[in-house]
Amino acid sequence: MMSAADFQAQTEVSDDVLARLQIYADLLVKWQAKINLVGPDTIPELWQRHFLDSAQLAPFIGDHKKVVDFGSGAGFPGLVLAGLNPTLNVHLLESDQRKGVFLREVNRAMGCSATVHTARIEAVPSLGADVVTSRALAPLDKLLAFAEMHSLSTGIYLFLKGKRWSEELTNAEKDWKMRLLHHPSRTDPTGMILEISECIHRHEHLE
């Protein structure tokens, strides 16, 4: 079972960053008793299943980027990325009002400056993201449609996907043309990080 110290050893984050994320972890455990934020059986594995899983996206992002996280839920990965890097302009999209309250509370307690949008993804005006992130929200083809709404043409998408990633990719490629890099997940032996750029709907490409 991974501890906060183990997480720090693997990610090489500073003591200040770890302290922020510890505030997050403590609040999540406290709020989990009131609302279902994550699977209850994942609480003992919080640092690996949720924090490290989210943090593994950071090396693909860089600094001073606008990051839009779809279906943030308990804040993974978007709020972890905000906690790791104060230079990011992070926007969290979560339609559940109670989870939105939780995200705002953690954001405030960590001293971060993420913006929380409690609305459906399609109801929010385009955010013009440099980077779009998402974890365990929707099939890839649906994520690509959402991402097209909210990203710059130069934007990249970083999607954390589980064991069915290849099947989802095959389905999505029927309708989408894209440049794809995939990186093995550090936390799920069957999972993959899909890094997508230059994405265009094939019907648009034909026009």
Protein backbone atom coordinates (compact mmCIF):
# COMPACT_ATOMS: atom_id res chain seq x y z
CA MET A 1 0.00 0.00 0.00
CA MET A 2 1.45 3.36 -1.07
CA SER A 3 1.91 6.05 1.59
CA ALA A 4 2.27 9.81 1.10
CA ALA A 5 6.03 9.37 1.56
CA ASP A 6 6.08 6.66 -1.12
CA PHE A 7 4.19 8.99 -3.44
CA GLN A 8 6.77 11.72 -2.83
CA ALA A 9 9.62 9.29 -3.51
CA GLN A 10 8.08 8.23 -6.83
CA THR A 11 7.14 11.72 -8.05
CA GLU A 12 9.93 13.77 -6.42
CA VAL A 13 7.46 16.50 -5.45
CA SER A 14 8.52 19.12 -2.92
CA ASP A 15 7.46 19.08 0.72
CA ASP A 16 5.15 22.04 0.01
CA VAL A 17 3.38 20.17 -2.79
CA LEU A 18 3.06 17.05 -0.66
CA ALA A 19 1.56 19.13 2.16
CA ARG A 20 -1.06 20.50 -0.26
CA LEU A 21 -1.95 17.05 -1.49
CA GLN A 22 -2.14 15.75 2.09
CA ILE A 23 -4.77 18.43 2.81
CA TYR A 24 -6.65 17.12 -0.25
CA ALA A 25 -6.38 13.49 0.90
CA ASP A 26 -7.59 14.33 4.41
CA LEU A 27 -10.59 16.26 3.09
CA LEU A 28 -11.47 13.46 0.67
CA VAL A 29 -11.55 10.89 3.47
CA LYS A 30 -13.68 13.25 5.60
CA TRP A 31 -16.17 14.03 2.79
CA GLN A 32 -16.34 10.42 1.62
CA ALA A 33 -18.37 9.71 4.76
CA LYS A 34 -21.04 12.14 3.47
CA ILE A 35 -20.99 11.71 -0.30
CA ASN A 36 -19.61 8.97 -2.51
CA LEU A 37 -16.57 10.60 -4.13
CA VAL A 38 -14.52 7.49 -4.99
CA GLY A 39 -15.08 3.76 -4.69
CA PRO A 40 -14.96 3.02 -0.93
CA ASP A 41 -12.59 0.10 -1.48
CA THR A 42 -10.04 2.47 -3.09
CA ILE A 43 -9.64 4.67 0.02
CA PRO A 44 -6.80 2.55 1.49
CA GLU A 45 -5.03 2.85 -1.90
CA LEU A 46 -5.68 6.57 -2.26
CA TRP A 47 -2.10 7.62 -2.98
CA GLN A 48 -1.59 5.11 -5.78
CA ARG A 49 -5.08 4.65 -7.25
CA HIS A 50 -5.95 8.34 -7.36
CA PHE A 51 -3.03 10.68 -6.62
CA LEU A 52 -0.24 8.89 -8.50
CA ASP A 53 -2.66 7.93 -11.27
CA SER A 54 -3.42 11.64 -11.76
CA ALA A 55 0.12 12.92 -11.20
CA GLN A 56 1.53 10.74 -14.00
CA LEU A 57 -0.01 13.19 -16.51
CA ALA A 58 2.08 16.13 -15.26
CA PRO A 59 5.22 15.42 -17.34
CA PHE A 60 3.18 15.65 -20.53
CA ILE A 61 1.80 19.12 -19.77
CA GLY A 62 4.57 21.60 -18.97
CA ASP A 63 4.02 25.02 -17.38
CA HIS A 64 1.68 27.98 -17.99
CA LYS A 65 -0.97 25.93 -19.77
CA LYS A 66 -4.75 26.13 -19.67
CA VAL A 67 -5.95 22.69 -18.58
CA VAL A 68 -9.61 21.66 -18.82
CA ASP A 69 -10.58 18.51 -16.91
CA PHE A 70 -13.82 16.77 -17.92
CA GLY A 71 -16.00 15.03 -15.34
CA SER A 72 -13.67 15.93 -12.48
CA GLY A 73 -15.68 14.06 -9.83
CA ALA A 74 -13.45 14.02 -6.77
CA GLY A 75 -10.85 16.05 -8.67
CA PHE A 76 -8.87 13.37 -10.46
CA PRO A 77 -6.81 14.19 -12.40
CA GLY A 78 -7.46 17.95 -12.71
CA LEU A 79 -7.26 19.11 -9.10
CA VAL A 80 -4.15 17.02 -8.45
CA LEU A 81 -2.50 18.72 -11.44
CA ALA A 82 -3.45 22.10 -9.95
CA GLY A 83 -1.91 21.07 -6.64
CA LEU A 84 1.28 19.93 -8.34
CA ASN A 85 1.82 23.02 -10.49
CA PRO A 86 0.57 26.50 -9.48
CA THR A 87 1.43 27.90 -12.95
CA LEU A 88 -1.39 25.92 -14.57
CA ASN A 89 -4.74 27.57 -15.28
CA VAL A 90 -6.97 24.62 -14.40
CA HIS A 91 -10.71 24.41 -15.12
CA LEU A 92 -12.70 21.56 -13.55
CA LEU A 93 -16.00 20.57 -15.20
CA GLU A 94 -18.30 18.60 -12.94
CA SER A 95 -22.10 18.59 -13.25
CA ASP A 96 -22.80 17.14 -9.79
CA GLN A 97 -23.44 20.07 -7.44
CA ARG A 98 -22.26 18.31 -4.26
CA LYS A 99 -19.01 17.25 -5.90
CA GLY A 100 -18.64 20.84 -7.10
CA VAL A 101 -18.85 22.05 -3.48
CA PHE A 102 -16.17 19.50 -2.51
CA LEU A 103 -13.88 20.61 -5.36
CA ARG A 104 -14.19 24.26 -4.34
CA GLU A 105 -13.46 23.42 -0.70
CA VAL A 106 -10.31 21.43 -1.57
CA ASN A 107 -9.19 24.09 -4.04
CA ARG A 108 -9.53 26.76 -1.33
CA ALA A 109 -7.89 24.64 1.38
CA MET A 110 -4.89 23.85 -0.84
CA GLY A 111 -4.52 27.50 -1.80
CA CYS A 112 -4.92 26.69 -5.49
CA SER A 113 -6.59 28.83 -8.14
CA ALA A 114 -8.53 26.26 -10.17
CA THR A 115 -11.93 27.27 -11.55
CA VAL A 116 -14.84 24.90 -10.89
CA HIS A 117 -17.73 24.79 -13.39
CA THR A 118 -20.75 22.91 -12.03
CA ALA A 119 -22.43 22.31 -15.37
CA ARG A 120 -22.59 19.74 -18.14
CA ILE A 121 -19.61 19.84 -20.48
CA GLU A 122 -21.72 20.78 -23.51
CA ALA A 123 -23.38 23.64 -21.57
CA VAL A 124 -20.13 25.49 -20.83
CA PRO A 125 -18.93 28.01 -23.45
CA SER A 126 -15.72 26.94 -25.17
CA LEU A 127 -12.76 27.25 -22.79
CA GLY A 128 -9.97 27.20 -25.38
CA ALA A 129 -7.78 24.64 -23.59
CA ASP A 130 -4.14 23.91 -24.32
CA VAL A 131 -4.65 20.54 -22.63
CA VAL A 132 -7.81 18.50 -22.06
CA THR A 133 -7.77 15.73 -19.45
CA SER A 134 -10.24 13.09 -18.34
CA ARG A 135 -10.37 9.85 -16.38
CA ALA A 136 -13.13 7.22 -16.32
CA LEU A 137 -15.79 9.50 -17.79
CA ALA A 138 -16.93 8.32 -21.23
CA PRO A 139 -15.88 6.26 -24.26
CA LEU A 140 -13.10 7.79 -26.34
CA ASP A 141 -15.28 8.83 -29.28
CA LYS A 142 -17.52 10.84 -26.95
CA LEU A 143 -14.51 12.39 -25.19
CA LEU A 144 -13.11 13.52 -28.54
CA ALA A 145 -16.38 15.29 -29.39
CA PHE A 146 -16.31 17.08 -26.03
CA ALA A 147 -12.63 17.94 -26.41
CA GLU A 148 -13.19 19.45 -29.84
CA MET A 149 -15.66 21.89 -28.22
CA HIS A 150 -13.24 23.09 -25.57
CA SER A 151 -9.71 22.96 -27.00
CA LEU A 152 -7.52 25.11 -29.20
CA SER A 153 -6.62 23.65 -32.59
CA THR A 154 -3.08 23.24 -31.21
CA GLY A 155 -4.36 21.53 -28.05
CA ILE A 156 -3.55 18.06 -26.82
CA TYR A 157 -5.76 15.56 -25.05
CA LEU A 158 -4.52 13.34 -22.21
CA PHE A 159 -6.98 10.57 -21.40
CA LEU A 160 -6.42 7.93 -18.72
CA LYS A 161 -7.90 4.71 -20.04
CA GLY A 162 -8.29 1.19 -18.64
CA LYS A 163 -7.99 -2.25 -20.20
CA ARG A 164 -10.48 -1.55 -23.02
CA TRP A 165 -8.45 1.38 -24.39
CA SER A 166 -7.57 -0.43 -27.64
CA GLU A 167 -11.20 -1.30 -28.34
CA GLU A 168 -12.26 2.30 -27.65
CA LEU A 169 -9.52 3.57 -29.95
CA THR A 170 -10.63 1.28 -32.78
CA ASN A 171 -14.20 2.58 -32.46
CA ALA A 172 -13.12 6.22 -32.29
CA GLU A 173 -10.87 5.95 -35.35
CA LYS A 174 -13.94 5.21 -37.48
CA ASP A 175 -14.99 8.84 -37.07
CA TRP A 176 -11.83 10.66 -35.99
CA LYS A 177 -8.45 11.25 -37.57
CA MET A 178 -5.74 11.93 -35.00
CA ARG A 179 -2.08 11.84 -34.08
CA LEU A 180 -1.72 9.39 -31.21
CA LEU A 181 0.98 8.53 -28.72
CA HIS A 182 0.26 6.02 -25.98
CA HIS A 183 2.12 5.63 -22.73
CA PRO A 184 1.76 2.71 -20.30
CA SER A 185 0.02 3.61 -17.05
CA ARG A 186 2.21 3.67 -13.94
CA THR A 187 -0.69 2.50 -11.77
CA ASP A 188 -2.67 0.06 -13.93
CA PRO A 189 -0.82 -2.73 -15.77
CA THR A 190 -3.68 -2.95 -18.30
CA GLY A 191 -4.17 0.83 -18.60
CA MET A 192 -2.82 3.42 -20.99
CA ILE A 193 -2.41 7.18 -21.23
CA LEU A 194 -3.65 8.30 -24.64
CA GLU A 195 -1.91 11.49 -25.81
CA ILE A 196 -3.88 12.83 -28.76
CA SER A 197 -3.25 15.84 -31.00
CA GLU A 198 -4.18 17.08 -34.48
CA CYS A 199 -7.62 15.55 -34.00
CA ILE A 200 -10.31 16.17 -36.60
CA HIS A 201 -13.66 14.58 -37.33
CA ARG A 202 -13.45 12.58 -40.56
CA HIS A 203 -16.66 14.17 -41.93
CA GLU A 204 -15.07 17.61 -41.50
CA HIS A 205 -11.91 16.34 -43.14
CA LEU A 206 -13.91 15.33 -46.23
CA GLU A 207 -15.65 18.68 -46.64
